[in-house]
Amino acid sequence: LEGPAKMLGTLEDGERAEELYHKVKQSELFDQKLGMYKTSIPIDDISMENGRIRAFTPGWLERESIFLHMEYKYLLSMLKAGLYDQYYEDLPTALVAFRDPKEYGRSILENSSFLASSKNPNEALHGRGFVARLSGSTTEAISMWIAMFIGDKIFTYEENQLTLHLEPKLSSWMFDDKGEASFTLLSNCKVTYRNPNRKATYGKDAARIKRIHIVDNDFFIEGNCIRGALAESIRNGEIKEMIVELV
């Protein structure tokens, strides 16, 4: 899976990226039962001289398991390639936060090193996570979260001013019945997107940010960027709540 993951994130041609995505999903890299992506296709035909990857039981550790760090790399590459519809189609099964905790065998807020895939001969283990993982997969999960809720860039420095950009890439199903989705920015500021029509925030008919309400001082800003001293206040943790209106 590592090859497609690295390649997908570099493709600027949307059609080529989508073609690669479909080829991967139609291959044995995709675990149809779990709806997740495995480290590799079956390797029964290669020699034991290839090392421990061949020695492991299929669907376990590095052999045809769901190696979460690598699967998340692939999901992140989908975002980088602009395959938002495909990303959100896969997310309900590919991201452990949405999986059944009874099947996963631990908190769905905790990443694992790997999940036993449906290739494992012990069916009771399918979808179960093993070995706590606090590095790679967590880093990829945070990167995906930033891309989803904030965008490709958070702060930039433009015309001698610090600028905060809000460019979410959220699917329609990420908004609740009120048309809202919230997150915490920099551990301190609650940001609520209000999207009454519950439209996706990407694509041709995307919901766009109309204005930003700084709740702390009841100040309104047109558009999706905050500049200057106010951006600095947000970065410094001095602003506690923003409501972002989309149309």
Protein backbone atom coordinates (compact mmCIF):
# COMPACT_ATOMS: atom_id res chain seq x y z
CA LEU A 1 0.00 0.00 0.00
CA GLU A 2 2.95 2.32 0.57
CA GLY A 3 3.58 2.80 -3.16
CA PRO A 4 0.07 4.02 -4.02
CA ALA A 5 -0.02 6.11 -0.82
CA LYS A 6 3.11 8.01 -1.81
CA MET A 7 2.13 8.33 -5.46
CA LEU A 8 -1.44 9.47 -4.87
CA GLY A 9 -0.38 12.46 -2.82
CA THR A 10 1.82 13.75 -5.65
CA LEU A 11 -0.67 13.50 -8.52
CA GLU A 12 -1.94 16.84 -9.77
CA ASP A 13 -4.14 15.25 -12.44
CA GLY A 14 -7.50 14.52 -10.82
CA GLU A 15 -8.44 11.86 -13.37
CA ARG A 16 -5.19 9.96 -12.82
CA ALA A 17 -5.65 10.17 -9.05
CA GLU A 18 -9.18 8.82 -9.29
CA GLU A 19 -8.05 6.04 -11.62
CA LEU A 20 -5.33 4.99 -9.17
CA TYR A 21 -7.82 5.07 -6.30
CA HIS A 22 -10.25 2.75 -8.11
CA LYS A 23 -7.47 0.34 -9.05
CA VAL A 24 -6.39 0.08 -5.43
CA LYS A 25 -9.93 -0.41 -4.17
CA GLN A 26 -10.62 -3.10 -6.76
CA SER A 27 -7.42 -4.94 -5.83
CA GLU A 28 -6.74 -7.27 -2.93
CA LEU A 29 -5.24 -4.35 -1.03
CA PHE A 30 -8.81 -3.51 -0.03
CA ASP A 31 -10.36 -5.72 2.64
CA GLN A 32 -13.95 -6.07 1.47
CA LYS A 33 -15.18 -7.44 4.80
CA LEU A 34 -13.74 -4.68 6.96
CA GLY A 35 -13.82 -1.84 4.43
CA MET A 36 -10.17 -1.06 5.23
CA TYR A 37 -6.85 -1.12 3.37
CA LYS A 38 -4.26 -3.86 3.98
CA THR A 39 -0.48 -3.61 3.86
CA SER A 40 -0.23 -5.89 0.83
CA ILE A 41 -1.91 -8.39 -1.42
CA PRO A 42 -1.41 -12.13 -0.61
CA ILE A 43 2.28 -13.11 -0.57
CA ASP A 44 2.01 -16.89 -0.28
CA ASP A 45 4.02 -17.34 -3.47
CA ILE A 46 7.15 -15.52 -2.27
CA SER A 47 10.06 -17.23 -0.54
CA MET A 48 10.65 -17.31 3.21
CA GLU A 49 13.95 -15.63 2.36
CA ASN A 50 11.98 -12.38 2.14
CA GLY A 51 12.01 -12.30 5.93
CA ARG A 52 9.51 -11.95 8.72
CA ILE A 53 6.78 -10.44 6.54
CA ARG A 54 6.47 -13.88 4.92
CA ALA A 55 6.82 -15.75 8.21
CA PHE A 56 3.82 -14.10 9.87
CA THR A 57 0.35 -15.60 9.67
CA PRO A 58 -1.75 -13.88 6.96
CA GLY A 59 -3.74 -10.98 8.39
CA TRP A 60 -1.31 -10.52 11.28
CA LEU A 61 1.35 -7.89 11.99
CA GLU A 62 3.05 -6.83 8.75
CA ARG A 63 1.52 -9.53 6.54
CA GLU A 64 -1.79 -8.50 4.98
CA SER A 65 -2.98 -6.80 8.16
CA ILE A 66 -4.51 -3.36 8.46
CA PHE A 67 -1.30 -1.57 9.43
CA LEU A 68 -3.01 1.58 10.65
CA HIS A 69 -0.16 4.03 10.09
CA MET A 70 0.06 3.01 6.42
CA GLU A 71 -3.70 3.00 5.88
CA TYR A 72 -3.95 6.49 7.35
CA LYS A 73 -1.11 7.63 5.09
CA TYR A 74 -3.20 6.44 2.17
CA LEU A 75 -6.33 8.24 3.42
CA LEU A 76 -4.33 11.44 3.90
CA SER A 77 -3.01 11.12 0.35
CA MET A 78 -6.61 10.94 -0.86
CA LEU A 79 -7.24 14.32 0.75
CA LYS A 80 -4.08 15.77 -0.78
CA ALA A 81 -5.20 14.51 -4.19
CA GLY A 82 -8.61 16.16 -3.79
CA LEU A 83 -10.53 12.86 -3.75
CA TYR A 84 -12.96 14.15 -1.15
CA ASP A 85 -16.01 12.11 -2.17
CA GLN A 86 -13.97 8.91 -2.16
CA TYR A 87 -12.35 9.82 1.14
CA TYR A 88 -15.69 10.32 2.88
CA GLU A 89 -17.04 7.16 1.29
CA ASP A 90 -14.21 5.17 2.93
CA LEU A 91 -14.04 7.03 6.25
CA PRO A 92 -16.93 5.31 8.13
CA THR A 93 -15.11 1.98 7.94
CA ALA A 94 -11.47 3.00 7.42
CA LEU A 95 -11.16 5.29 10.47
CA VAL A 96 -11.20 3.39 13.78
CA ALA A 97 -13.12 6.22 15.46
CA PHE A 98 -16.21 5.08 13.52
CA ARG A 99 -15.78 1.33 14.06
CA ASP A 100 -17.63 -0.94 16.49
CA PRO A 101 -15.63 -0.84 19.76
CA LYS A 102 -16.71 -4.41 20.58
CA GLU A 103 -15.12 -5.64 17.37
CA TYR A 104 -12.12 -3.32 17.73
CA GLY A 105 -11.51 -4.59 21.28
CA ARG A 106 -10.42 -1.24 22.75
CA SER A 107 -11.45 2.40 22.82
CA ILE A 108 -12.14 3.67 19.30
CA LEU A 109 -10.37 6.89 20.35
CA GLU A 110 -7.12 4.92 20.64
CA ASN A 111 -5.12 3.91 17.59
CA SER A 112 -3.50 0.50 17.24
CA SER A 113 -0.38 -0.62 15.47
CA PHE A 114 -2.48 -2.98 13.35
CA LEU A 115 -5.88 -4.63 13.02
CA ALA A 116 -6.19 -8.28 12.12
CA SER A 117 -7.64 -8.39 8.61
CA SER A 118 -10.19 -10.82 7.21
CA LYS A 119 -7.27 -12.89 5.86
CA ASN A 120 -6.49 -14.07 9.38
CA PRO A 121 -7.56 -17.70 9.85
CA ASN A 122 -9.15 -16.85 13.22
CA GLU A 123 -12.40 -15.12 12.28
CA ALA A 124 -12.91 -13.93 15.87
CA LEU A 125 -9.91 -11.63 15.44
CA HIS A 126 -11.11 -9.86 12.29
CA GLY A 127 -11.19 -6.10 12.90
CA ARG A 128 -9.55 -6.32 16.33
CA GLY A 129 -6.76 -3.86 17.11
CA PHE A 130 -3.44 -4.92 18.59
CA VAL A 131 -0.57 -2.97 20.20
CA ALA A 132 -1.21 0.65 21.27
CA ARG A 133 0.15 3.09 18.71
CA LEU A 134 0.82 6.67 19.77
CA SER A 135 3.12 7.88 17.00
CA GLY A 136 2.62 7.35 13.26
CA SER A 137 -1.10 6.67 13.01
CA THR A 138 -1.86 9.45 15.50
CA THR A 139 0.19 11.93 13.48
CA GLU A 140 -1.68 10.98 10.31
CA ALA A 141 -5.04 11.22 12.12
CA ILE A 142 -4.20 14.75 13.31
CA SER A 143 -3.11 15.72 9.79
CA MET A 144 -6.41 14.43 8.38
CA TRP A 145 -8.36 16.29 11.08
CA ILE A 146 -6.58 19.57 10.25
CA ALA A 147 -7.22 19.13 6.51
CA MET A 148 -10.90 18.33 7.15
CA PHE A 149 -11.77 21.08 9.60
CA ILE A 150 -9.34 23.88 8.77
CA GLY A 151 -7.76 23.24 5.38
CA ASP A 152 -4.33 22.97 3.81
CA LYS A 153 -2.99 26.01 5.63
CA ILE A 154 -3.86 27.50 8.99
CA PHE A 155 -1.69 30.58 9.49
CA THR A 156 0.24 32.48 6.83
CA TYR A 157 2.04 35.82 6.85
CA GLU A 158 0.72 38.10 4.10
CA GLU A 159 1.38 41.81 3.55
CA ASN A 160 3.07 42.06 6.95
CA GLN A 161 0.03 40.58 8.67
CA LEU A 162 -0.60 37.23 10.31
CA THR A 163 -3.57 35.61 8.53
CA LEU A 164 -5.78 32.76 9.75
CA HIS A 165 -7.48 30.76 6.97
CA LEU A 166 -10.58 28.61 7.46
CA GLU A 167 -11.05 26.35 4.44
CA PRO A 168 -12.82 23.20 5.70
CA LYS A 169 -13.29 20.13 3.51
CA LEU A 170 -16.27 18.51 5.20
CA SER A 171 -18.87 16.15 3.78
CA SER A 172 -22.56 16.89 4.28
CA TRP A 173 -22.89 13.99 6.74
CA MET A 174 -20.34 15.59 9.06
CA PHE A 175 -22.95 18.20 10.04
CA ASP A 176 -25.61 17.40 12.66
CA ASP A 177 -29.36 17.89 12.34
CA LYS A 178 -28.92 21.59 13.06
CA GLY A 179 -26.39 21.87 10.27
CA GLU A 180 -23.53 22.39 12.70
CA ALA A 181 -20.06 20.91 13.15
CA SER A 182 -17.66 22.05 15.86
CA PHE A 183 -13.99 21.63 16.70
CA THR A 184 -11.46 23.14 19.09
CA LEU A 185 -8.74 25.28 17.52
CA LEU A 186 -5.35 25.34 19.26
CA SER A 187 -6.82 23.58 22.33
CA ASN A 188 -8.56 26.75 23.39
CA CYS A 189 -11.02 28.24 20.87
CA LYS A 190 -14.32 26.55 20.05
CA VAL A 191 -15.16 26.94 16.36
CA THR A 192 -18.66 26.09 15.15
CA TYR A 193 -19.51 25.87 11.47
CA ARG A 194 -23.15 26.70 10.81
CA ASN A 195 -24.26 25.20 7.53
CA PRO A 196 -28.10 25.28 7.50
CA ASN A 197 -28.34 23.60 4.11
CA ARG A 198 -25.92 20.86 5.21
CA LYS A 199 -23.99 21.02 1.96
CA ALA A 200 -20.48 19.68 1.56
CA THR A 201 -17.80 22.35 1.84
CA TYR A 202 -15.99 21.18 -1.28
CA GLY A 203 -16.92 20.67 -4.92
CA LYS A 204 -18.88 22.72 -7.44
CA ASP A 205 -21.93 23.33 -5.23
CA ALA A 206 -19.97 23.72 -2.00
CA ALA A 207 -21.11 25.70 1.01
CA ARG A 208 -18.79 28.69 1.40
CA ILE A 209 -17.92 30.75 4.45
CA LYS A 210 -19.89 34.01 4.43
CA ARG A 211 -18.70 35.56 7.68
CA ILE A 212 -17.07 34.80 11.02
CA HIS A 213 -18.55 35.88 14.34
CA ILE A 214 -16.01 36.41 17.13
CA VAL A 215 -18.27 35.64 20.08
CA ASP A 216 -15.93 37.08 22.74
CA ASN A 217 -16.34 40.66 21.54
CA ASP A 218 -19.38 40.24 19.25
CA PHE A 219 -17.30 41.21 16.23
CA PHE A 220 -18.09 40.10 12.66
CA ILE A 221 -15.68 39.52 9.78
CA GLU A 222 -16.76 39.00 6.19
CA GLY A 223 -15.16 36.06 4.35
CA ASN A 224 -13.04 33.17 5.55
CA CYS A 225 -9.83 34.94 6.67
CA ILE A 226 -8.91 36.72 9.88
CA ARG A 227 -5.94 39.10 9.72
CA GLY A 228 -3.71 41.19 11.89
CA ALA A 229 -4.06 41.65 15.63
CA LEU A 230 -7.19 39.49 15.84
CA ALA A 231 -5.40 36.55 14.18
CA GLU A 232 -2.58 37.01 16.66
CA SER A 233 -5.09 36.99 19.53
CA ILE A 234 -6.49 33.69 18.30
CA ARG A 235 -3.01 32.20 17.96
CA ASN A 236 -2.16 33.42 21.48
CA GLY A 237 -5.24 31.68 22.93
CA GLU A 238 -7.07 34.89 23.84
CA ILE A 239 -10.23 34.14 21.80
CA LYS A 240 -12.52 31.47 23.22
CA GLU A 241 -15.28 31.05 20.63
CA MET A 242 -16.04 31.69 16.95
CA ILE A 243 -19.16 30.93 14.94
CA VAL A 244 -18.61 30.56 11.22
CA GLU A 245 -21.60 31.03 8.92
CA LEU A 246 -21.74 29.18 5.61
CA VAL A 247 -24.11 29.61 2.69
